[in-house]
Amino acid sequence: MSTDADATVPPLVLDIDGTLTDAPGRLDPRVSVYLQSWDAPIVLATGKSFPYPVALCHFLGIEQTVIAENGGVVLADETVSYQGDSERAQAAASVFEERGGDLGWGGFDDVNKWRETEIAVDLSADEELLREVAAEFDLTVIDTGYAYHLKTPGVEKGDGLKAVCETLELDPDSFVAIGDSENDVSTFAVAGRSYAVKNADDAAQRAADEVLENSYFDGTASVLDRIENSETS
């Protein structure tokens, strides 16, 4: 599916938590206004399980183009692709629990229930034990600031962006990326221009082309305003 070459603004790849939300993690009410009026493709790229960004696109009224589970699942032009070894991640999580670890999500684990390529663990968990088990299964652990993600090495959001661009016949260099954590670093490397909101972790701030003066969606909105103003002036 090719896209409108006459778009006046660049395509976006946007993290969700910490980037489209406020500090408590609630979606900023302005997001729908900004994204519904954006005249170019938008990719939501998140560490959340696949149904969350798909549902968010649905309720925002934008095309369902998503990178979920840190690159583990990609949806573009109604085509879904999967990367990552889910069975190995599940096995490692079981061993982690057998050795006294706790995933930390309580009785109803909505964080992992629909997760297809990795396992997310609450930040209160025993990180040393988790990383020890991950190494035994040749898995990696990344800290997004919201959870530890037990995942297949080499599966990244940036690879998901490349896959989206191949499907939509877009140049990755045309994208503007906005994010806040370690799992956005690979996206920043692929996109043409990258911004870290002020609340971003050190890894994201080092990787971004620019660190914004404002946090959370205030920072994201400032970039979108700047782009629109520069394109229409």
C-alpha atoms as a PDB file:
ATOM      1  CA  MET A   1       0.000   0.000   0.000  1.00  0.00           C
ATOM      2  CA  SER A   2       1.587   3.256  -1.060  1.00  0.00           C
ATOM      3  CA  THR A   3       0.700   6.452   0.767  1.00  0.00           C
ATOM      4  CA  ASP A   4      -0.109  10.001  -0.206  1.00  0.00           C
ATOM      5  CA  ALA A   5       3.085  11.567  -1.522  1.00  0.00           C
ATOM      6  CA  ASP A   6       1.522  15.014  -1.166  1.00  0.00           C
ATOM      7  CA  ALA A   7       1.358  14.903   2.638  1.00  0.00           C
ATOM      8  CA  THR A   8       2.558  18.187   4.081  1.00  0.00           C
ATOM      9  CA  VAL A   9       3.923  16.683   7.283  1.00  0.00           C
ATOM     10  CA  PRO A  10       6.246  13.702   7.831  1.00  0.00           C
ATOM     11  CA  PRO A  11       5.124  10.261   8.995  1.00  0.00           C
ATOM     12  CA  LEU A  12       5.446   9.596  12.717  1.00  0.00           C
ATOM     13  CA  VAL A  13       6.549   6.668  14.848  1.00  0.00           C
ATOM     14  CA  LEU A  14       5.388   7.272  18.405  1.00  0.00           C
ATOM     15  CA  ASP A  15       5.974   5.428  21.638  1.00  0.00           C
ATOM     16  CA  ILE A  16       2.911   5.297  23.913  1.00  0.00           C
ATOM     17  CA  ASP A  17       3.789   5.078  27.634  1.00  0.00           C
ATOM     18  CA  GLY A  18       5.611   8.204  28.750  1.00  0.00           C
ATOM     19  CA  THR A  19       5.211   9.792  25.317  1.00  0.00           C
ATOM     20  CA  LEU A  20       1.461   9.973  24.661  1.00  0.00           C
ATOM     21  CA  THR A  21       0.585   9.781  28.358  1.00  0.00           C
ATOM     22  CA  ASP A  22       0.945  11.847  31.502  1.00  0.00           C
ATOM     23  CA  ALA A  23       3.112  10.872  34.493  1.00  0.00           C
ATOM     24  CA  PRO A  24       0.532   8.461  36.025  1.00  0.00           C
ATOM     25  CA  GLY A  25       0.268   6.700  32.660  1.00  0.00           C
ATOM     26  CA  ARG A  26      -3.080   8.069  31.499  1.00  0.00           C
ATOM     27  CA  LEU A  27      -3.517   8.867  27.815  1.00  0.00           C
ATOM     28  CA  ASP A  28      -3.398  12.627  27.369  1.00  0.00           C
ATOM     29  CA  PRO A  29      -6.823  13.844  26.159  1.00  0.00           C
ATOM     30  CA  ARG A  30      -5.165  15.945  23.454  1.00  0.00           C
ATOM     31  CA  VAL A  31      -3.752  12.889  21.682  1.00  0.00           C
ATOM     32  CA  SER A  32      -6.912  12.261  19.660  1.00  0.00           C
ATOM     33  CA  VAL A  33      -6.989  15.847  18.397  1.00  0.00           C
ATOM     34  CA  TYR A  34      -3.360  15.799  17.280  1.00  0.00           C
ATOM     35  CA  LEU A  35      -3.300  12.361  15.705  1.00  0.00           C
ATOM     36  CA  GLN A  36      -6.677  12.461  13.969  1.00  0.00           C
ATOM     37  CA  SER A  37      -5.646  15.615  12.115  1.00  0.00           C
ATOM     38  CA  TRP A  38      -2.120  14.464  11.222  1.00  0.00           C
ATOM     39  CA  ASP A  39      -1.922  14.247   7.424  1.00  0.00           C
ATOM     40  CA  ALA A  40       0.656  11.449   7.169  1.00  0.00           C
ATOM     41  CA  PRO A  41       1.051   7.839   8.349  1.00  0.00           C
ATOM     42  CA  ILE A  42       1.342   7.263  12.105  1.00  0.00           C
ATOM     43  CA  VAL A  43       2.928   4.170  13.633  1.00  0.00           C
ATOM     44  CA  LEU A  44       2.344   3.420  17.320  1.00  0.00           C
ATOM     45  CA  ALA A  45       5.415   1.580  18.635  1.00  0.00           C
ATOM     46  CA  THR A  46       5.185   0.146  22.120  1.00  0.00           C
ATOM     47  CA  GLY A  47       6.349  -2.495  24.545  1.00  0.00           C
ATOM     48  CA  LYS A  48       2.726  -3.318  25.356  1.00  0.00           C
ATOM     49  CA  SER A  49       1.096  -6.510  24.107  1.00  0.00           C
ATOM     50  CA  PHE A  50      -0.404  -6.455  20.630  1.00  0.00           C
ATOM     51  CA  PRO A  51      -4.091  -5.739  21.416  1.00  0.00           C
ATOM     52  CA  TYR A  52      -3.339  -2.485  23.252  1.00  0.00           C
ATOM     53  CA  PRO A  53      -1.973  -0.370  20.373  1.00  0.00           C
ATOM     54  CA  VAL A  54      -4.480  -1.924  17.945  1.00  0.00           C
ATOM     55  CA  ALA A  55      -7.336  -0.893  20.231  1.00  0.00           C
ATOM     56  CA  LEU A  56      -5.819   2.548  20.709  1.00  0.00           C
ATOM     57  CA  CYS A  57      -5.692   3.088  16.940  1.00  0.00           C
ATOM     58  CA  HIS A  58      -9.322   1.971  16.733  1.00  0.00           C
ATOM     59  CA  PHE A  59     -10.539   4.390  19.381  1.00  0.00           C
ATOM     60  CA  LEU A  60      -8.413   7.254  18.043  1.00  0.00           C
ATOM     61  CA  GLY A  61      -9.835   6.682  14.577  1.00  0.00           C
ATOM     62  CA  ILE A  62      -6.459   6.263  12.867  1.00  0.00           C
ATOM     63  CA  GLU A  63      -5.064   3.541  10.617  1.00  0.00           C
ATOM     64  CA  GLN A  64      -4.092   0.399  12.545  1.00  0.00           C
ATOM     65  CA  THR A  65      -0.339   0.475  11.997  1.00  0.00           C
ATOM     66  CA  VAL A  66       1.533  -0.740  15.055  1.00  0.00           C
ATOM     67  CA  ILE A  67       4.764  -2.161  16.380  1.00  0.00           C
ATOM     68  CA  ALA A  68       4.012  -4.054  19.601  1.00  0.00           C
ATOM     69  CA  GLU A  69       6.018  -6.000  22.170  1.00  0.00           C
ATOM     70  CA  ASN A  70       9.210  -4.081  21.366  1.00  0.00           C
ATOM     71  CA  GLY A  71       9.203  -5.187  17.736  1.00  0.00           C
ATOM     72  CA  GLY A  72       7.884  -8.683  18.368  1.00  0.00           C
ATOM     73  CA  VAL A  73       4.617  -8.058  16.514  1.00  0.00           C
ATOM     74  CA  VAL A  74       4.086  -5.739  13.540  1.00  0.00           C
ATOM     75  CA  LEU A  75       0.804  -4.778  11.858  1.00  0.00           C
ATOM     76  CA  ALA A  76       0.826  -2.792   8.624  1.00  0.00           C
ATOM     77  CA  ASP A  77      -1.644  -2.734   5.738  1.00  0.00           C
ATOM     78  CA  GLU A  78      -3.739  -5.430   7.491  1.00  0.00           C
ATOM     79  CA  THR A  79      -0.775  -7.823   7.552  1.00  0.00           C
ATOM     80  CA  VAL A  80       0.600  -9.164  10.852  1.00  0.00           C
ATOM     81  CA  SER A  81       4.114 -10.549  11.271  1.00  0.00           C
ATOM     82  CA  TYR A  82       5.809 -12.041  14.329  1.00  0.00           C
ATOM     83  CA  GLN A  83       9.412 -12.143  15.522  1.00  0.00           C
ATOM     84  CA  GLY A  84      10.825 -13.608  18.701  1.00  0.00           C
ATOM     85  CA  ASP A  85      10.726 -16.971  20.442  1.00  0.00           C
ATOM     86  CA  SER A  86       7.629 -16.932  22.634  1.00  0.00           C
ATOM     87  CA  GLU A  87       8.091 -20.498  23.874  1.00  0.00           C
ATOM     88  CA  ARG A  88      11.596 -19.736  25.130  1.00  0.00           C
ATOM     89  CA  ALA A  89      10.363 -16.596  26.897  1.00  0.00           C
ATOM     90  CA  GLN A  90       7.539 -18.539  28.553  1.00  0.00           C
ATOM     91  CA  ALA A  91       9.948 -21.283  29.649  1.00  0.00           C
ATOM     92  CA  ALA A  92      12.338 -18.746  31.149  1.00  0.00           C
ATOM     93  CA  ALA A  93       9.479 -17.032  33.011  1.00  0.00           C
ATOM     94  CA  SER A  94       8.448 -20.378  34.482  1.00  0.00           C
ATOM     95  CA  VAL A  95      11.992 -21.062  35.712  1.00  0.00           C
ATOM     96  CA  PHE A  96      12.156 -17.541  37.152  1.00  0.00           C
ATOM     97  CA  GLU A  97       9.012 -18.247  39.170  1.00  0.00           C
ATOM     98  CA  GLU A  98      10.213 -21.708  40.201  1.00  0.00           C
ATOM     99  CA  ARG A  99      13.300 -20.076  41.716  1.00  0.00           C
ATOM    100  CA  GLY A 100      11.217 -17.670  43.769  1.00  0.00           C
ATOM    101  CA  GLY A 101      10.755 -14.853  41.297  1.00  0.00           C
ATOM    102  CA  ASP A 102       7.424 -13.070  40.912  1.00  0.00           C
ATOM    103  CA  LEU A 103       6.187 -11.521  37.674  1.00  0.00           C
ATOM    104  CA  GLY A 104       4.416  -9.020  39.895  1.00  0.00           C
ATOM    105  CA  TRP A 105       1.089  -8.504  38.179  1.00  0.00           C
ATOM    106  CA  GLY A 106      -1.298 -10.127  40.657  1.00  0.00           C
ATOM    107  CA  GLY A 107      -4.021 -12.680  40.029  1.00  0.00           C
ATOM    108  CA  PHE A 108      -5.207 -11.356  36.666  1.00  0.00           C
ATOM    109  CA  ASP A 109      -2.113 -10.688  34.567  1.00  0.00           C
ATOM    110  CA  ASP A 110      -3.503  -8.393  31.875  1.00  0.00           C
ATOM    111  CA  VAL A 111       0.058  -7.341  31.044  1.00  0.00           C
ATOM    112  CA  ASN A 112       0.982 -10.767  29.680  1.00  0.00           C
ATOM    113  CA  LYS A 113      -2.367 -12.431  28.951  1.00  0.00           C
ATOM    114  CA  TRP A 114      -2.343 -11.427  25.277  1.00  0.00           C
ATOM    115  CA  ARG A 115       1.432 -11.133  24.862  1.00  0.00           C
ATOM    116  CA  GLU A 116       2.690 -13.301  21.988  1.00  0.00           C
ATOM    117  CA  THR A 117       6.477 -12.891  21.703  1.00  0.00           C
ATOM    118  CA  GLU A 118       7.921 -11.931  25.108  1.00  0.00           C
ATOM    119  CA  ILE A 119       7.160 -11.715  28.823  1.00  0.00           C
ATOM    120  CA  ALA A 120       6.892  -8.507  30.842  1.00  0.00           C
ATOM    121  CA  VAL A 121       7.891  -8.451  34.518  1.00  0.00           C
ATOM    122  CA  ASP A 122       7.063  -5.767  37.071  1.00  0.00           C
ATOM    123  CA  LEU A 123       9.942  -3.503  38.121  1.00  0.00           C
ATOM    124  CA  SER A 124       9.549  -4.708  41.710  1.00  0.00           C
ATOM    125  CA  ALA A 125      10.861  -8.134  40.660  1.00  0.00           C
ATOM    126  CA  ASP A 126      14.286  -9.571  41.476  1.00  0.00           C
ATOM    127  CA  GLU A 127      16.232  -8.104  38.559  1.00  0.00           C
ATOM    128  CA  GLU A 128      19.414 -10.043  39.296  1.00  0.00           C
ATOM    129  CA  LEU A 129      17.567 -13.374  39.255  1.00  0.00           C
ATOM    130  CA  LEU A 130      15.637 -12.395  36.126  1.00  0.00           C
ATOM    131  CA  ARG A 131      18.816 -11.532  34.233  1.00  0.00           C
ATOM    132  CA  GLU A 132      20.478 -14.728  35.450  1.00  0.00           C
ATOM    133  CA  VAL A 133      17.624 -16.846  34.104  1.00  0.00           C
ATOM    134  CA  ALA A 134      17.470 -14.838  30.879  1.00  0.00           C
ATOM    135  CA  ALA A 135      21.144 -15.547  30.206  1.00  0.00           C
ATOM    136  CA  GLU A 136      20.554 -19.282  30.661  1.00  0.00           C
ATOM    137  CA  PHE A 137      17.877 -19.174  27.950  1.00  0.00           C
ATOM    138  CA  ASP A 138      19.872 -16.857  25.665  1.00  0.00           C
ATOM    139  CA  LEU A 139      17.327 -14.102  26.167  1.00  0.00           C
ATOM    140  CA  THR A 140      17.795 -10.439  26.960  1.00  0.00           C
ATOM    141  CA  VAL A 141      16.134  -8.139  29.509  1.00  0.00           C
ATOM    142  CA  ILE A 142      15.376  -4.491  28.784  1.00  0.00           C
ATOM    143  CA  ASP A 143      14.081  -1.965  31.287  1.00  0.00           C
ATOM    144  CA  THR A 144      11.542   0.358  29.688  1.00  0.00           C
ATOM    145  CA  GLY A 145      10.893   2.239  32.910  1.00  0.00           C
ATOM    146  CA  TYR A 146       7.488   0.561  33.150  1.00  0.00           C
ATOM    147  CA  ALA A 147       8.529  -3.108  33.140  1.00  0.00           C
ATOM    148  CA  TYR A 148      11.372  -5.510  32.500  1.00  0.00           C
ATOM    149  CA  HIS A 149      10.887  -7.242  29.159  1.00  0.00           C
ATOM    150  CA  LEU A 150      12.210 -10.785  28.771  1.00  0.00           C
ATOM    151  CA  LYS A 151      12.740 -11.060  25.044  1.00  0.00           C
ATOM    152  CA  THR A 152      14.634 -12.571  22.128  1.00  0.00           C
ATOM    153  CA  PRO A 153      17.897 -10.705  21.400  1.00  0.00           C
ATOM    154  CA  GLY A 154      17.884  -8.699  18.196  1.00  0.00           C
ATOM    155  CA  VAL A 155      14.132  -8.112  18.098  1.00  0.00           C
ATOM    156  CA  GLU A 156      13.749  -4.332  18.301  1.00  0.00           C
ATOM    157  CA  LYS A 157      11.253  -1.582  17.563  1.00  0.00           C
ATOM    158  CA  GLY A 158      13.606  -0.265  14.893  1.00  0.00           C
ATOM    159  CA  ASP A 159      13.373  -3.530  12.977  1.00  0.00           C
ATOM    160  CA  GLY A 160       9.610  -3.239  13.231  1.00  0.00           C
ATOM    161  CA  LEU A 161       9.782   0.226  11.683  1.00  0.00           C
ATOM    162  CA  LYS A 162      11.815  -1.160   8.779  1.00  0.00           C
ATOM    163  CA  ALA A 163       9.156  -3.829   8.247  1.00  0.00           C
ATOM    164  CA  VAL A 164       6.377  -1.229   8.300  1.00  0.00           C
ATOM    165  CA  CYS A 165       8.236   0.913   5.784  1.00  0.00           C
ATOM    166  CA  GLU A 166       8.764  -2.030   3.459  1.00  0.00           C
ATOM    167  CA  THR A 167       5.059  -2.860   3.543  1.00  0.00           C
ATOM    168  CA  LEU A 168       3.894   0.738   3.100  1.00  0.00           C
ATOM    169  CA  GLU A 169       6.627   1.624   0.590  1.00  0.00           C
ATOM    170  CA  LEU A 170       7.967   4.430   2.756  1.00  0.00           C
ATOM    171  CA  ASP A 171      11.494   5.621   3.419  1.00  0.00           C
ATOM    172  CA  PRO A 172      12.427   5.144   7.114  1.00  0.00           C
ATOM    173  CA  ASP A 173      14.446   8.332   6.855  1.00  0.00           C
ATOM    174  CA  SER A 174      11.218  10.276   6.281  1.00  0.00           C
ATOM    175  CA  PHE A 175       9.930   9.402   9.766  1.00  0.00           C
ATOM    176  CA  VAL A 176       9.997  11.505  12.899  1.00  0.00           C
ATOM    177  CA  ALA A 177      10.341   9.347  16.029  1.00  0.00           C
ATOM    178  CA  ILE A 178       9.384  10.391  19.567  1.00  0.00           C
ATOM    179  CA  GLY A 179       9.998   8.237  22.629  1.00  0.00           C
ATOM    180  CA  ASP A 180      11.180   8.026  26.194  1.00  0.00           C
ATOM    181  CA  SER A 181      13.113   4.851  26.950  1.00  0.00           C
ATOM    182  CA  GLU A 182      15.753   2.277  26.093  1.00  0.00           C
ATOM    183  CA  ASN A 183      13.390   0.389  23.809  1.00  0.00           C
ATOM    184  CA  ASP A 184      13.083   3.495  21.593  1.00  0.00           C
ATOM    185  CA  VAL A 185      16.824   3.678  20.864  1.00  0.00           C
ATOM    186  CA  SER A 186      16.601   1.358  17.849  1.00  0.00           C
ATOM    187  CA  THR A 187      13.680   3.393  16.471  1.00  0.00           C
ATOM    188  CA  PHE A 188      15.714   6.565  16.819  1.00  0.00           C
ATOM    189  CA  ALA A 189      18.525   4.918  14.834  1.00  0.00           C
ATOM    190  CA  VAL A 190      16.193   4.048  11.937  1.00  0.00           C
ATOM    191  CA  ALA A 191      14.047   7.191  11.726  1.00  0.00           C
ATOM    192  CA  GLY A 192      15.297  10.314  10.025  1.00  0.00           C
ATOM    193  CA  ARG A 193      14.745  12.554  13.030  1.00  0.00           C
ATOM    194  CA  SER A 194      14.330  11.587  16.679  1.00  0.00           C
ATOM    195  CA  TYR A 195      13.187  13.315  19.845  1.00  0.00           C
ATOM    196  CA  ALA A 196      13.318  12.218  23.473  1.00  0.00           C
ATOM    197  CA  VAL A 197      10.795  13.775  25.834  1.00  0.00           C
ATOM    198  CA  LYS A 198      12.310  15.327  28.965  1.00  0.00           C
ATOM    199  CA  ASN A 199      11.265  12.364  31.149  1.00  0.00           C
ATOM    200  CA  ALA A 200      13.196   9.941  28.906  1.00  0.00           C
ATOM    201  CA  ASP A 201      15.818   7.637  30.398  1.00  0.00           C
ATOM    202  CA  ASP A 202      19.529   8.158  29.794  1.00  0.00           C
ATOM    203  CA  ALA A 203      19.731   5.702  26.898  1.00  0.00           C
ATOM    204  CA  ALA A 204      16.953   7.434  24.973  1.00  0.00           C
ATOM    205  CA  GLN A 205      18.349  10.895  25.667  1.00  0.00           C
ATOM    206  CA  ARG A 206      21.787   9.876  24.398  1.00  0.00           C
ATOM    207  CA  ALA A 207      20.338   8.343  21.232  1.00  0.00           C
ATOM    208  CA  ALA A 208      17.916  11.139  20.303  1.00  0.00           C
ATOM    209  CA  ASP A 209      18.770  13.973  17.953  1.00  0.00           C
ATOM    210  CA  GLU A 210      17.130  16.332  20.434  1.00  0.00           C
ATOM    211  CA  VAL A 211      16.013  16.138  24.058  1.00  0.00           C
ATOM    212  CA  LEU A 212      12.869  18.201  24.553  1.00  0.00           C
ATOM    213  CA  GLU A 213      12.287  20.775  27.250  1.00  0.00           C
ATOM    214  CA  ASN A 214       8.913  19.292  28.225  1.00  0.00           C
ATOM    215  CA  SER A 215       7.929  15.883  29.578  1.00  0.00           C
ATOM    216  CA  TYR A 216       5.333  13.309  28.510  1.00  0.00           C
ATOM    217  CA  PHE A 217       2.761  14.446  25.942  1.00  0.00           C
ATOM    218  CA  ASP A 218       3.639  18.096  26.554  1.00  0.00           C
ATOM    219  CA  GLY A 219       6.980  17.318  24.925  1.00  0.00           C
ATOM    220  CA  THR A 220       5.428  15.336  22.095  1.00  0.00           C
ATOM    221  CA  ALA A 221       2.881  18.070  21.386  1.00  0.00           C
ATOM    222  CA  SER A 222       5.655  20.656  21.237  1.00  0.00           C
ATOM    223  CA  VAL A 223       7.357  18.711  18.429  1.00  0.00           C
ATOM    224  CA  LEU A 224       4.143  18.200  16.492  1.00  0.00           C
ATOM    225  CA  ASP A 225       3.308  21.911  16.788  1.00  0.00           C
ATOM    226  CA  ARG A 226       6.788  22.832  15.636  1.00  0.00           C
ATOM    227  CA  ILE A 227       6.605  20.543  12.609  1.00  0.00           C
ATOM    228  CA  GLU A 228       3.170  21.777  11.554  1.00  0.00           C
ATOM    229  CA  ASN A 229       4.191  25.391  11.927  1.00  0.00           C
ATOM    230  CA  SER A 230       7.365  24.900   9.908  1.00  0.00           C
ATOM    231  CA  GLU A 231       5.558  23.021   7.131  1.00  0.00           C
ATOM    232  CA  THR A 232       2.759  25.573   6.803  1.00  0.00           C
ATOM    233  CA  SER A 233       4.837  28.737   7.129  1.00  0.00           C
END
